[in-house]
Amino acid sequence: MAHSLRWRDLRQQIMLRIPGNCPLCLTRTAAGLLCNGCCQSVCDSMLLGRARCAACALLLNSQGKCADCLYNAPVFQSVVAAFDYQFPGSVLILQFKQGKRYLLAAALAELLVPRLQDLKLTLPGATILVPVPASRLALQQRGFNPAGEIARHLSRRLHIPCSNVLFRRKETGPQKWAGRQQRYQQVRRLYGLKQSAALSGKHVWVVDDVLTTGSTLNAVSYLLTQAGAASVHGVVLARTPLSS
């Protein structure tokens, strides 16, 4: 695995130094990142100024309340999401995960960089990136952990250490079609924290690909907070607009 990661890093570094095509419109771009037009189209959903939950970034309902945080109060402080999980951003997520195109991690992670630079300025002290671990079945099918690929690119770009301090205690089925109650039940005691984790006083950014109900982020945030983290923030590519 270590050899595979080194080769993957080398290949990605080479790809970032040569021209490529925008993953959506195929326009020639530097390093194969999203062109300006597609970047705006993907991220517009987060930049239109609609009222969102200050904690989990979900669009507020007609009563001005957050359905997810009402159901389960967040342990984390905030969520930074690049876009809502809808077209055309959802196409990129599917290409990245289902199409096994791990090199898309760079183009997708770049959408988060400006907002994370702003967040970093507001947090005094040490910050670390912690990716959510994938299931064994997902790793076998894809050959990589999407959250891990995003975290590793952000680590290089923002000069923030990345630490795999989380592990899965058990294997569960995919959460894609699970409702809110099922998701909360599935993540109970699903994750654990390695004994070697040194989190006291640190600001932890939990990295994942998509946030739907916040059940996973809440579960790991509890572990990280109990271990002494000064704050916990979710960092995701996409926020599902309406969770079920």
Protein backbone atom coordinates (compact mmCIF):
# COMPACT_ATOMS: atom_id res chain seq x y z
CA MET A 1 0.00 0.00 0.00
CA ALA A 2 2.83 2.43 0.90
CA HIS A 3 4.46 1.80 -2.49
CA SER A 4 1.11 2.36 -4.20
CA LEU A 5 0.63 5.69 -2.43
CA ARG A 6 4.13 6.88 -3.35
CA TRP A 7 3.54 6.01 -7.00
CA ARG A 8 0.15 7.70 -6.88
CA ASP A 9 1.67 10.85 -5.41
CA LEU A 10 4.42 10.87 -8.04
CA ARG A 11 1.97 10.41 -10.88
CA GLN A 12 -0.28 13.16 -9.55
CA GLN A 13 2.63 15.56 -9.15
CA ILE A 14 3.62 14.92 -12.76
CA MET A 15 0.05 15.41 -13.99
CA LEU A 16 -0.19 18.73 -12.13
CA ARG A 17 2.80 20.06 -14.06
CA ILE A 18 1.47 19.46 -17.56
CA PRO A 19 -1.59 20.80 -19.43
CA GLY A 20 -4.76 18.75 -19.33
CA ASN A 21 -8.49 18.98 -19.98
CA CYS A 22 -11.25 20.33 -17.77
CA PRO A 23 -13.00 17.24 -16.35
CA LEU A 24 -16.42 18.61 -17.36
CA CYS A 25 -16.17 20.50 -20.65
CA LEU A 26 -12.77 19.14 -21.82
CA THR A 27 -11.43 22.64 -22.45
CA ARG A 28 -7.63 22.72 -22.25
CA THR A 29 -6.62 23.86 -18.75
CA ALA A 30 -3.54 24.04 -16.58
CA ALA A 31 -2.92 20.70 -14.88
CA GLY A 32 -6.31 19.40 -15.94
CA LEU A 33 -8.16 21.42 -13.29
CA LEU A 34 -11.66 22.77 -13.79
CA CYS A 35 -11.89 25.73 -16.13
CA ASN A 36 -13.22 29.00 -14.68
CA GLY A 37 -16.65 28.54 -16.23
CA CYS A 38 -17.16 25.01 -14.94
CA CYS A 39 -15.73 25.95 -11.56
CA GLN A 40 -18.38 28.65 -11.25
CA SER A 41 -21.16 26.34 -12.46
CA VAL A 42 -20.22 23.67 -9.91
CA CYS A 43 -19.76 26.03 -6.95
CA ASP A 44 -22.62 28.45 -7.65
CA SER A 45 -24.96 26.48 -5.40
CA MET A 46 -22.81 27.40 -2.38
CA LEU A 47 -22.30 31.01 -3.42
CA LEU A 48 -25.86 32.17 -4.16
CA GLY A 49 -26.38 33.61 -0.68
CA ARG A 50 -29.29 31.39 0.35
CA ALA A 51 -29.73 30.92 4.10
CA ARG A 52 -27.75 27.95 5.42
CA CYS A 53 -27.13 26.35 8.76
CA ALA A 54 -24.07 27.91 10.38
CA ALA A 55 -23.00 24.49 11.65
CA CYS A 56 -23.63 21.93 8.90
CA ALA A 57 -24.14 24.14 5.78
CA LEU A 58 -27.56 22.64 4.97
CA LEU A 59 -30.08 24.94 3.31
CA LEU A 60 -32.57 26.06 5.96
CA ASN A 61 -36.21 25.05 5.62
CA SER A 62 -39.15 27.42 5.19
CA GLN A 63 -39.20 27.99 8.97
CA GLY A 64 -35.55 29.02 8.89
CA LYS A 65 -34.41 25.89 10.71
CA CYS A 66 -31.97 23.09 9.93
CA ALA A 67 -33.62 19.67 9.69
CA ASP A 68 -30.41 17.75 10.40
CA CYS A 69 -29.26 19.76 13.43
CA LEU A 70 -32.76 19.70 14.91
CA TYR A 71 -32.68 15.92 14.70
CA ASN A 72 -29.21 15.56 16.19
CA ALA A 73 -27.32 18.49 17.70
CA PRO A 74 -23.88 18.79 16.09
CA VAL A 75 -20.73 18.12 18.07
CA PHE A 76 -18.62 19.80 15.37
CA GLN A 77 -18.24 23.57 14.94
CA SER A 78 -18.76 24.03 11.19
CA VAL A 79 -18.74 22.44 7.75
CA VAL A 80 -16.97 23.72 4.65
CA ALA A 81 -18.47 22.30 1.46
CA ALA A 82 -17.41 23.18 -2.09
CA PHE A 83 -20.85 22.63 -3.65
CA ASP A 84 -24.26 21.05 -3.20
CA TYR A 85 -24.60 17.48 -4.36
CA GLN A 86 -26.45 18.26 -7.57
CA PHE A 87 -25.67 18.61 -11.28
CA PRO A 88 -23.02 19.34 -12.49
CA GLY A 89 -20.96 18.73 -9.36
CA SER A 90 -22.60 15.35 -8.80
CA VAL A 91 -21.20 14.21 -12.16
CA LEU A 92 -17.67 14.85 -10.91
CA ILE A 93 -18.33 12.93 -7.70
CA LEU A 94 -19.59 9.93 -9.66
CA GLN A 95 -16.59 10.04 -12.01
CA PHE A 96 -14.26 10.27 -9.03
CA LYS A 97 -15.79 7.46 -6.97
CA GLN A 98 -17.62 5.12 -9.32
CA GLY A 99 -15.36 5.77 -12.30
CA LYS A 100 -12.27 5.13 -10.12
CA ARG A 101 -10.62 8.33 -11.39
CA TYR A 102 -8.50 9.11 -8.36
CA LEU A 103 -6.63 11.84 -10.26
CA LEU A 104 -9.82 13.94 -10.05
CA ALA A 105 -8.97 14.44 -6.38
CA ALA A 106 -6.73 17.39 -7.28
CA ALA A 107 -9.36 19.19 -9.39
CA LEU A 108 -12.03 18.63 -6.74
CA ALA A 109 -9.87 19.54 -3.76
CA GLU A 110 -8.84 22.79 -5.44
CA LEU A 111 -12.45 23.96 -5.11
CA LEU A 112 -12.02 23.84 -1.33
CA VAL A 113 -8.64 25.57 -1.08
CA PRO A 114 -9.74 29.27 -1.01
CA ARG A 115 -12.35 28.69 1.68
CA LEU A 116 -10.02 26.59 3.79
CA GLN A 117 -7.34 29.25 3.59
CA ASP A 118 -9.88 31.66 5.10
CA LEU A 119 -10.84 29.17 7.80
CA LYS A 120 -7.22 28.56 8.72
CA LEU A 121 -6.72 32.28 9.38
CA THR A 122 -9.48 32.21 12.02
CA LEU A 123 -8.03 29.26 13.95
CA PRO A 124 -5.01 30.00 16.15
CA GLY A 125 -2.80 27.02 16.86
CA ALA A 126 -2.08 23.72 15.13
CA THR A 127 -4.45 22.25 12.55
CA ILE A 128 -4.54 18.71 11.15
CA LEU A 129 -6.51 16.94 8.43
CA VAL A 130 -8.19 13.64 9.30
CA PRO A 131 -9.85 11.64 6.48
CA VAL A 132 -12.84 9.42 7.22
CA PRO A 133 -11.76 5.80 6.58
CA ALA A 134 -13.52 3.84 3.84
CA SER A 135 -14.96 0.37 4.26
CA ARG A 136 -12.90 -2.64 3.23
CA LEU A 137 -15.37 -3.43 0.43
CA ALA A 138 -15.20 0.12 -0.96
CA LEU A 139 -11.40 0.02 -0.93
CA GLN A 140 -11.42 -3.28 -2.80
CA GLN A 141 -13.85 -1.95 -5.42
CA ARG A 142 -12.21 1.45 -6.00
CA GLY A 143 -8.62 0.85 -5.05
CA PHE A 144 -8.49 4.08 -3.03
CA ASN A 145 -10.27 6.03 -0.29
CA PRO A 146 -11.86 9.20 -1.80
CA ALA A 147 -11.63 11.08 1.50
CA GLY A 148 -7.99 10.10 1.82
CA GLU A 149 -7.12 11.33 -1.68
CA ILE A 150 -8.81 14.68 -1.04
CA ALA A 151 -7.07 15.06 2.33
CA ARG A 152 -3.64 14.25 0.90
CA HIS A 153 -4.01 16.87 -1.83
CA LEU A 154 -5.20 19.50 0.65
CA SER A 155 -2.30 18.62 2.92
CA ARG A 156 0.20 19.37 0.14
CA ARG A 157 -1.56 22.56 -0.98
CA LEU A 158 -2.17 24.07 2.45
CA HIS A 159 0.90 22.68 4.24
CA ILE A 160 -1.25 21.09 6.91
CA PRO A 161 -0.36 17.61 8.21
CA CYS A 162 -2.70 14.75 7.41
CA SER A 163 -3.16 11.99 9.98
CA ASN A 164 -5.06 8.69 9.62
CA VAL A 165 -6.03 8.49 13.28
CA LEU A 166 -9.51 7.06 12.66
CA PHE A 167 -10.28 3.41 11.96
CA ARG A 168 -13.44 1.37 11.37
CA ARG A 169 -14.41 -1.00 14.16
CA LYS A 170 -16.74 -3.00 11.91
CA GLU A 171 -18.00 -3.24 8.36
CA THR A 172 -21.49 -2.10 7.41
CA GLY A 173 -23.46 -1.87 4.19
CA PRO A 174 -23.43 1.27 2.04
CA GLN A 175 -25.32 4.27 3.45
CA LYS A 176 -26.33 5.62 0.04
CA TRP A 177 -29.97 4.52 0.27
CA ALA A 178 -30.30 4.68 4.06
CA GLY A 179 -32.63 7.20 5.69
CA ARG A 180 -31.69 9.55 8.51
CA GLN A 181 -32.56 7.13 11.33
CA GLN A 182 -30.74 4.25 9.63
CA ARG A 183 -27.63 6.35 9.14
CA TYR A 184 -27.45 7.32 12.80
CA GLN A 185 -27.89 3.71 13.83
CA GLN A 186 -25.22 2.48 11.40
CA VAL A 187 -22.50 4.83 12.65
CA ARG A 188 -22.89 4.01 16.32
CA ARG A 189 -19.52 2.66 17.43
CA LEU A 190 -18.55 2.28 13.78
CA TYR A 191 -15.37 4.34 14.16
CA GLY A 192 -12.55 4.24 16.63
CA LEU A 193 -9.53 6.40 17.42
CA LYS A 194 -5.99 5.04 17.36
CA GLN A 195 -4.13 5.16 20.65
CA SER A 196 -1.27 6.99 18.96
CA ALA A 197 -3.50 9.97 18.13
CA ALA A 198 -2.12 13.22 19.58
CA LEU A 199 -4.98 15.71 19.29
CA SER A 200 -4.88 17.78 22.46
CA GLY A 201 -5.36 21.46 21.63
CA LYS A 202 -5.44 20.91 17.86
CA HIS A 203 -8.05 22.02 15.37
CA VAL A 204 -9.16 18.96 13.42
CA TRP A 205 -10.58 19.11 9.89
CA VAL A 206 -12.47 15.89 9.18
CA VAL A 207 -12.34 15.23 5.42
CA ASP A 208 -15.02 13.31 3.52
CA ASP A 209 -16.44 13.33 0.00
CA VAL A 210 -20.17 13.92 0.64
CA LEU A 211 -22.07 14.97 3.75
CA THR A 212 -25.71 13.86 3.83
CA THR A 213 -27.13 13.85 7.37
CA GLY A 214 -23.95 14.61 9.31
CA SER A 215 -24.20 11.32 11.19
CA THR A 216 -20.65 10.22 10.34
CA LEU A 217 -19.16 13.64 11.05
CA ASN A 218 -20.99 13.81 14.37
CA ALA A 219 -19.82 10.35 15.40
CA VAL A 220 -16.15 11.01 14.71
CA SER A 221 -16.36 14.56 16.10
CA TYR A 222 -17.38 13.11 19.45
CA LEU A 223 -14.32 10.85 19.47
CA LEU A 224 -11.99 13.68 18.48
CA THR A 225 -13.44 16.08 21.04
CA GLN A 226 -13.13 13.46 23.79
CA ALA A 227 -9.47 13.09 22.78
CA GLY A 228 -8.86 16.78 23.42
CA ALA A 229 -9.33 18.45 20.03
CA ALA A 230 -9.77 22.22 20.39
CA SER A 231 -12.36 22.22 17.59
CA VAL A 232 -13.67 19.95 14.86
CA HIS A 233 -14.72 21.12 11.39
CA GLY A 234 -16.09 19.10 8.51
CA VAL A 235 -14.44 19.49 5.09
CA VAL A 236 -16.43 17.92 2.27
CA LEU A 237 -16.67 18.21 -1.48
CA ALA A 238 -20.47 18.18 -1.54
CA ARG A 239 -23.38 18.77 0.81
CA THR A 240 -26.58 16.89 0.02
CA PRO A 241 -29.24 19.64 -0.23
CA LEU A 242 -32.19 17.74 1.21
CA SER A 243 -31.42 14.76 3.46
CA SER A 244 -34.03 12.09 4.07
